[in-house]
Amino acid sequence: MPYEVLWYLVLGVAVLAYTVLDGFDLGVGILHLFARGDQQRRIFLNAIGPVWDGNSVWIIIVVGGMFAGFPDVYASILSGFYIPFMALISGFIFRAVAIEFRSKRSSNSWRTTWDVVFSLSSHMVAFVIGLILGNMIQGIALNESQDYIGTFSDFFRPYSLLVGFTSVSLFAMHGTIYLAMKTEDRAHEVVRRWIVPAVITFITLYIITTIASLLYMPHMIERFIEMPALGIVPFLAFLSIFNILLQVRKRNDGWAFISSSLSIAFLLLIYALGTFPVIVRSSMGPAFDITIFNSASSHKTLGVLLTIVMIGLPFVLAYGFWVYRVFRGKVKLDDMSY
């Protein structure tokens, strides 16, 4: 297998890890203001408290891997999407500050302020991620030098906005299921009432996005037409989403969370199958597309990077496994809680 494809798969795994892990963090933030009272909001924060910062590290791995493996992609994306990425980074910063500052004082106004900041920044991060993804599907104005020549308003086309809202609904669904798995008693019953509306909202937006993709983004289905057997992927995506409702009805919250994670994995796979080998599509024409083959580092560089990944990734996974094992079970508030 070519080094370019291998490195693309490495980045894909990192994107999947970030989306699944930080996805439920963002979902908890999106739902935060719906909690009933200070105690429930503290429970929500402590459900992600031990792991949220480690989950966010995966986005650094994605960006770092892009810089090392596909430097032209890194340059074009971070320059072309400069303002959206600044909004994304601002969201990360405000989320982190809100989580850490929120319980430093017992003042109601102080906590309410940081609750709003936490929720709004979570909304912003989730929306911007979807907005960037939608623009990468639709294509941005790249010229022959791989420079972005569009305007800021071009990022807010209807299809990209639709993907942005779908992203928010996906993370909200994922976060609701995670909270159901981590809470108990009254907080748990409150969260369980949110799951069905969250899933239905996501399914609705996902169906609308799928229809819009079929009508206006024909390149996303070309590979599925060429290889009909790949149709199993969107089928499994729908199956995993509907299985969430089944598992929730059976009160199998852990299996519901696994189904939600699988749905994210299948949706990302649909995106990868629809766009491969293009990473950044140019709206100026296919000749200006940035692919994994015309943007990759040298084979020697990719070989060295893959060796480093093979050595380092097991340690990252082992650390993550240890943290989640230590903090497994239901959330319990104590003097050390947020």
Foldseek 3Di string as FASTA:
>chain_A
DALLVVLVVVLLVLVLLLCLLLLLVLLLLQCLVVDDDDVLSLQSLQLCVLPNVLSVVSVVVNLVSCCLWFVLCSVLLCQQCVVLVVLLVVLVVLLVCLSVQLVPDPDPVSNVVSSVSNNVSSLSNQLSVLLSLQCQLQFAAADQVSHGDDDPCVSPDPLSNLSSVLSNLLSNLLNLLSQCQAADDPSNVVSLVVNVVSLVVNVVSVVVSVVCCVVPRVLLCPLCVVPVVVVVLVVLLVVLSVVLVVCSVVVVSVSSSVSSSVNSSSVSVSSCSSQPQFRGHHPVDNSRTDGSVVRTDDSVSSVVVVVVCVVPVVVSVVVVVVSCVVPDHYDDDDPPGD
